[in-house]
Protein backbone atom coordinates (compact mmCIF):
# COMPACT_ATOMS: atom_id res chain seq x y z
CA MET A 1 0.22 5.44 3.55
CA LEU A 2 -1.68 3.35 2.14
CA GLU A 3 -3.36 5.64 -0.54
CA TYR A 4 0.33 5.56 -2.01
CA LYS A 5 1.12 1.45 -1.61
CA GLU A 6 -1.26 -0.65 -1.13
CA PHE A 7 -4.06 1.24 -3.45
CA ALA A 8 -1.19 2.64 -5.62
CA LYS A 9 -3.44 1.09 -8.66
CA TYR A 10 -6.69 3.18 -7.79
CA TYR A 11 -5.52 6.09 -7.13
CA ASP A 12 -5.90 7.32 -10.41
CA LEU A 13 -9.67 6.45 -10.98
CA LEU A 14 -10.33 8.38 -7.47
CA TYR A 15 -8.69 11.38 -8.66
CA SER A 16 -9.48 11.69 -12.53
CA ASP A 17 -11.48 15.02 -11.11
CA LEU A 18 -8.00 16.54 -11.29
CA GLU A 19 -7.17 19.35 -13.49
CA TYR A 20 -4.71 18.05 -14.33
CA GLU A 21 -4.04 19.46 -18.11
CA LYS A 22 -4.97 22.88 -16.83
CA SER A 23 -2.61 22.92 -13.90
CA SER A 24 0.78 21.81 -16.83
CA LYS A 25 0.17 24.73 -18.73
CA ARG A 26 -0.15 27.11 -15.58
CA ILE A 27 2.89 25.79 -14.79
CA ILE A 28 4.63 26.39 -18.92
CA LYS A 29 3.45 29.90 -18.10
CA LEU A 30 5.30 30.27 -14.57
CA PHE A 31 7.94 28.53 -16.18
CA SER A 32 8.15 31.52 -19.41
CA GLU A 33 7.70 34.13 -17.21
CA TYR A 34 10.02 33.93 -14.05
CA ASN A 35 12.67 30.86 -15.11
CA LYS A 36 16.29 32.73 -15.41
CA SER A 37 18.00 29.34 -16.08
CA LYS A 38 18.74 28.09 -19.94
CA GLY A 39 17.23 24.74 -20.24
CA ASN A 40 14.32 21.92 -20.24
CA LYS A 41 14.64 19.99 -17.57
CA LEU A 42 12.52 19.75 -15.28
CA LEU A 43 12.24 17.52 -11.55
CA ASP A 44 8.56 16.89 -10.33
CA VAL A 45 9.44 15.65 -6.40
CA ALA A 46 6.81 13.97 -5.36
CA CYS A 47 5.21 12.76 -8.63
CA GLY A 48 3.41 9.72 -7.80
CA THR A 49 1.79 8.26 -10.87
CA GLY A 50 2.98 10.93 -13.20
CA THR A 51 -0.10 12.17 -14.63
CA HIS A 52 1.62 16.48 -14.23
CA ILE A 53 4.87 14.97 -16.09
CA SER A 54 2.39 12.86 -18.61
CA TYR A 55 1.70 16.40 -19.79
CA LEU A 56 4.52 18.18 -19.85
CA LYS A 57 6.74 16.38 -21.38
CA SER A 58 6.08 17.89 -24.25
CA GLU A 59 7.65 21.25 -22.91
CA PHE A 60 10.12 19.98 -20.49
CA ASN A 61 12.74 16.92 -19.72
CA CYS A 62 11.34 15.48 -16.88
CA THR A 63 12.23 12.94 -14.12
CA GLY A 64 9.89 12.15 -11.46
CA ILE A 65 10.56 11.30 -7.97
CA ASP A 66 8.09 9.91 -5.06
CA LEU A 67 8.97 7.63 -2.09
CA SER A 68 6.49 5.11 -3.46
CA GLU A 69 7.38 2.73 -6.23
CA PRO A 70 4.13 0.97 -6.83
CA MET A 71 3.49 5.17 -7.77
CA LEU A 72 5.49 5.08 -9.79
CA LYS A 73 5.01 1.93 -11.44
CA GLN A 74 1.99 3.14 -12.22
CA ALA A 75 4.26 6.51 -13.49
CA ARG A 76 5.98 4.95 -15.87
CA LYS A 77 3.24 3.41 -17.80
CA LYS A 78 2.60 7.02 -19.24
CA SER A 79 5.14 8.55 -19.78
CA LEU A 80 7.83 5.21 -20.80
CA ASP A 81 10.36 8.21 -21.92
CA CYS A 82 10.54 10.17 -19.36
CA GLU A 83 12.34 8.51 -15.09
CA PHE A 84 11.67 7.62 -12.66
CA LYS A 85 13.65 7.49 -8.69
CA VAL A 86 12.31 6.36 -5.75
CA GLY A 87 13.94 9.06 -2.90
CA ASP A 88 12.97 11.04 -0.19
CA MET A 89 12.69 15.05 -1.39
CA LYS A 90 14.36 15.73 2.54
CA SER A 91 17.36 13.56 0.77
CA PHE A 92 16.93 12.80 -2.94
CA LYS A 93 20.53 13.52 -4.60
CA LEU A 94 21.00 13.11 -8.06
CA ASN A 95 24.03 14.01 -10.36
CA LYS A 96 22.12 16.75 -11.90
CA LYS A 97 20.59 20.61 -11.66
CA PHE A 98 17.42 20.94 -13.27
CA ASP A 99 15.90 24.62 -14.72
CA VAL A 100 12.32 23.93 -12.42
CA VAL A 101 11.83 21.93 -9.63
CA THR A 102 7.68 21.34 -8.42
CA CYS A 103 6.50 19.69 -5.98
CA LEU A 104 2.62 19.40 -5.53
CA PHE A 105 -0.53 18.70 -4.28
CA ASN A 106 0.52 20.02 -0.66
CA SER A 107 2.87 16.84 -0.55
CA ILE A 108 5.24 18.58 1.72
CA ASN A 109 2.95 19.01 4.56
CA ASN A 110 3.74 15.52 5.08
CA LEU A 111 7.29 16.75 6.75
CA GLY A 112 7.83 16.10 10.68
CA ALA A 113 8.76 19.29 12.44
CA GLY A 114 11.87 20.64 13.06
CA LYS A 115 14.12 21.26 10.82
CA GLU A 116 12.70 18.83 7.98
CA LEU A 117 11.68 21.33 5.80
CA GLU A 118 14.90 23.99 5.70
CA THR A 119 16.41 20.67 4.84
CA THR A 120 13.65 19.46 1.47
CA ILE A 121 13.92 23.69 0.42
CA ASN A 122 17.62 22.93 0.41
CA ASN A 123 17.75 19.78 -0.98
CA PHE A 124 15.57 22.04 -4.02
CA TYR A 125 17.63 24.00 -3.99
CA ASN A 126 20.96 22.48 -4.62
CA HIS A 127 19.45 20.34 -7.58
CA LEU A 128 18.14 24.22 -9.37
CA LYS A 129 20.51 26.14 -12.32
CA LYS A 130 21.53 29.17 -11.25
CA GLY A 131 18.27 31.18 -12.11
CA GLY A 132 16.27 27.61 -11.96
CA LEU A 133 12.06 28.01 -10.57
CA LEU A 134 10.75 26.27 -7.54
CA ILE A 135 7.63 25.90 -7.89
CA THR A 136 5.39 24.70 -4.98
CA GLU A 137 2.26 23.97 -3.24
CA PHE A 138 1.23 23.99 0.94
CA PHE A 139 -1.74 24.03 3.08
CA HIS A 140 -0.99 27.53 5.65
CA GLU A 141 -3.64 27.55 7.18
CA LYS A 142 -5.80 25.40 9.79
CA GLU A 143 -8.55 26.98 9.20
CA ASP A 144 -8.09 26.25 4.87
CA PHE A 145 -7.13 22.87 5.30
CA VAL A 146 -10.28 21.80 7.61
CA ASN A 147 -13.03 23.99 6.18
CA LYS A 148 -11.94 23.41 2.02
CA PHE A 149 -10.56 19.93 1.74
CA ASN A 150 -12.66 17.53 0.46
CA HIS A 151 -13.90 14.85 2.73
CA LEU A 152 -15.67 12.52 1.23
CA ARG A 153 -14.22 12.04 -2.55
CA THR A 154 -16.13 8.70 -5.13
CA TYR A 155 -15.23 6.78 -7.85
CA ASN A 156 -18.67 4.97 -9.75
CA GLY A 157 -17.08 3.03 -12.50
CA GLU A 158 -18.64 -0.01 -14.28
CA ASN A 159 -16.57 -2.34 -11.94
CA ILE A 160 -15.01 -0.49 -9.60
CA LYS A 161 -16.96 1.33 -7.00
CA ILE A 162 -14.19 3.72 -4.18
CA ALA A 163 -14.92 6.07 -1.55
CA ARG A 164 -12.13 8.01 0.63
CA ILE A 165 -13.85 9.75 3.43
CA GLY A 166 -10.88 11.97 5.44
CA GLU A 167 -11.71 13.05 9.34
CA PHE A 168 -9.33 15.46 10.32
CA LYS A 169 -8.79 16.98 12.96
CA SER A 170 -6.28 19.87 14.58
CA LYS A 171 -3.69 19.80 16.80
CA ASN A 172 -1.51 22.64 17.78
CA ASP A 173 1.26 22.99 14.91
CA PHE A 174 -0.34 19.47 12.70
CA ILE A 175 -3.63 18.01 11.25
CA LEU A 176 -4.35 14.73 12.02
CA ALA A 177 -6.03 13.06 9.10
CA ASN A 178 -8.02 9.81 9.63
CA ILE A 179 -8.50 8.59 6.56
CA HIS A 180 -11.35 5.61 5.46
CA TYR A 181 -11.22 3.64 2.18
CA LEU A 182 -13.83 1.28 0.78
CA ILE A 183 -12.60 -0.48 -2.21
CA SER A 184 -15.13 -2.43 -4.33
CA GLU A 185 -15.15 -4.89 -7.31
CA LYS A 186 -16.87 -6.92 -9.79
CA GLY A 187 -16.47 -10.03 -8.65
CA LYS A 188 -13.75 -8.90 -5.18
CA LYS A 189 -14.67 -9.07 -2.01
CA ILE A 190 -15.38 -5.52 -0.73
CA LYS A 191 -11.42 -3.70 0.80
CA LYS A 192 -12.22 -2.09 4.27
CA THR A 193 -9.19 -0.05 5.37
CA GLU A 194 -8.24 3.07 7.02
CA ASP A 195 -4.90 5.13 7.12
CA VAL A 196 -3.62 7.91 9.65
CA HIS A 197 -1.31 10.22 9.33
CA LYS A 198 -0.08 13.75 10.11
CA LEU A 199 0.29 16.56 8.42
CA MET A 200 2.46 20.09 9.49
CA ILE A 201 1.13 23.24 9.18
CA PHE A 202 3.40 25.01 8.34
CA PRO A 203 3.01 29.21 8.53
CA LYS A 204 2.78 31.61 5.21
CA GLU A 205 5.37 33.54 6.77
CA GLN A 206 8.12 30.26 7.57
CA ILE A 207 7.46 29.01 4.37
CA LEU A 208 8.52 32.28 2.44
CA SER A 209 11.82 33.16 5.50
CA THR A 210 12.78 28.97 4.78
CA MET A 211 13.13 30.00 0.79
CA LYS A 212 15.03 32.36 0.93
CA GLU A 213 17.56 31.61 4.19
CA ALA A 214 18.10 28.97 1.30
CA GLY A 215 18.76 31.50 -1.32
CA PHE A 216 14.80 32.11 -3.60
CA GLN A 217 14.44 35.54 -4.46
CA THR A 218 10.15 34.81 -3.87
CA LYS A 219 7.08 35.67 -4.67
CA TYR A 220 3.59 33.93 -2.96
CA LEU A 221 0.61 34.14 -5.43
CA LYS A 222 -2.90 33.78 -3.84
CA LYS A 223 -4.40 31.80 -6.82
CA GLY A 224 -2.30 27.82 -6.64
CA PHE A 225 -4.22 24.79 -8.82
CA TYR A 226 -6.19 23.39 -6.23
CA GLY A 227 -7.30 25.73 -4.07
CA LYS A 228 -3.90 26.78 -2.16
CA GLY A 229 -1.65 29.21 -1.91
CA LEU A 230 1.93 28.57 -5.09
CA PHE A 231 5.29 29.93 -3.52
CA LEU A 232 7.56 30.60 -6.06
CA GLY A 233 11.43 30.60 -5.39
CA ILE A 234 13.84 31.98 -8.00
CA LYS A 235 17.49 31.10 -7.23
CA ASN A 236 20.25 33.35 -7.28
């Protein structure tokens, strides 16, 4: 997706209003409440530019995984003391296990149909220690996605102006997202482009059953970090 490639350097500007620090504090609280393993190793899957890790690294030994090297380049600037690797959430393999795995910002909705959800949840499970905690969030209702998603997002800086406008259409079990970008930097020609991608919608019951089949003890919290429900899994 263009947002995670050509526009990685603009990503933090466009999403500067998100409450990363607040959600990171909640992750720490959830870890202390539900985690049953011994240790403090955290893996953030689809970590993007690593802003959550920049807040979490004071409490955890952090590793970040993302498909986009340009996004990880931004992450490394914030956290020189943390490890970041390019990897696909379905298939990455690390030679260590973690006490907590996070996957936020509805990143899992980018999976395809078929067995991809099952494969991904099993991969998370395999990278956790016994008693380790999975914290993840999905859009799991089509109506919620269409009605609550922020269709217009802007950044109005002194030298950079950015607009991201999204058009979302529901079709079968996925949402077709058509995203338009306008980026104006002082002294440069305006960049205008669009990106189309498909977001799978996995029902709540499917997510929980997939987690249970993988071996997790599950819990669903209606109030998540960014307007979505939160799915917790404790590795048995």
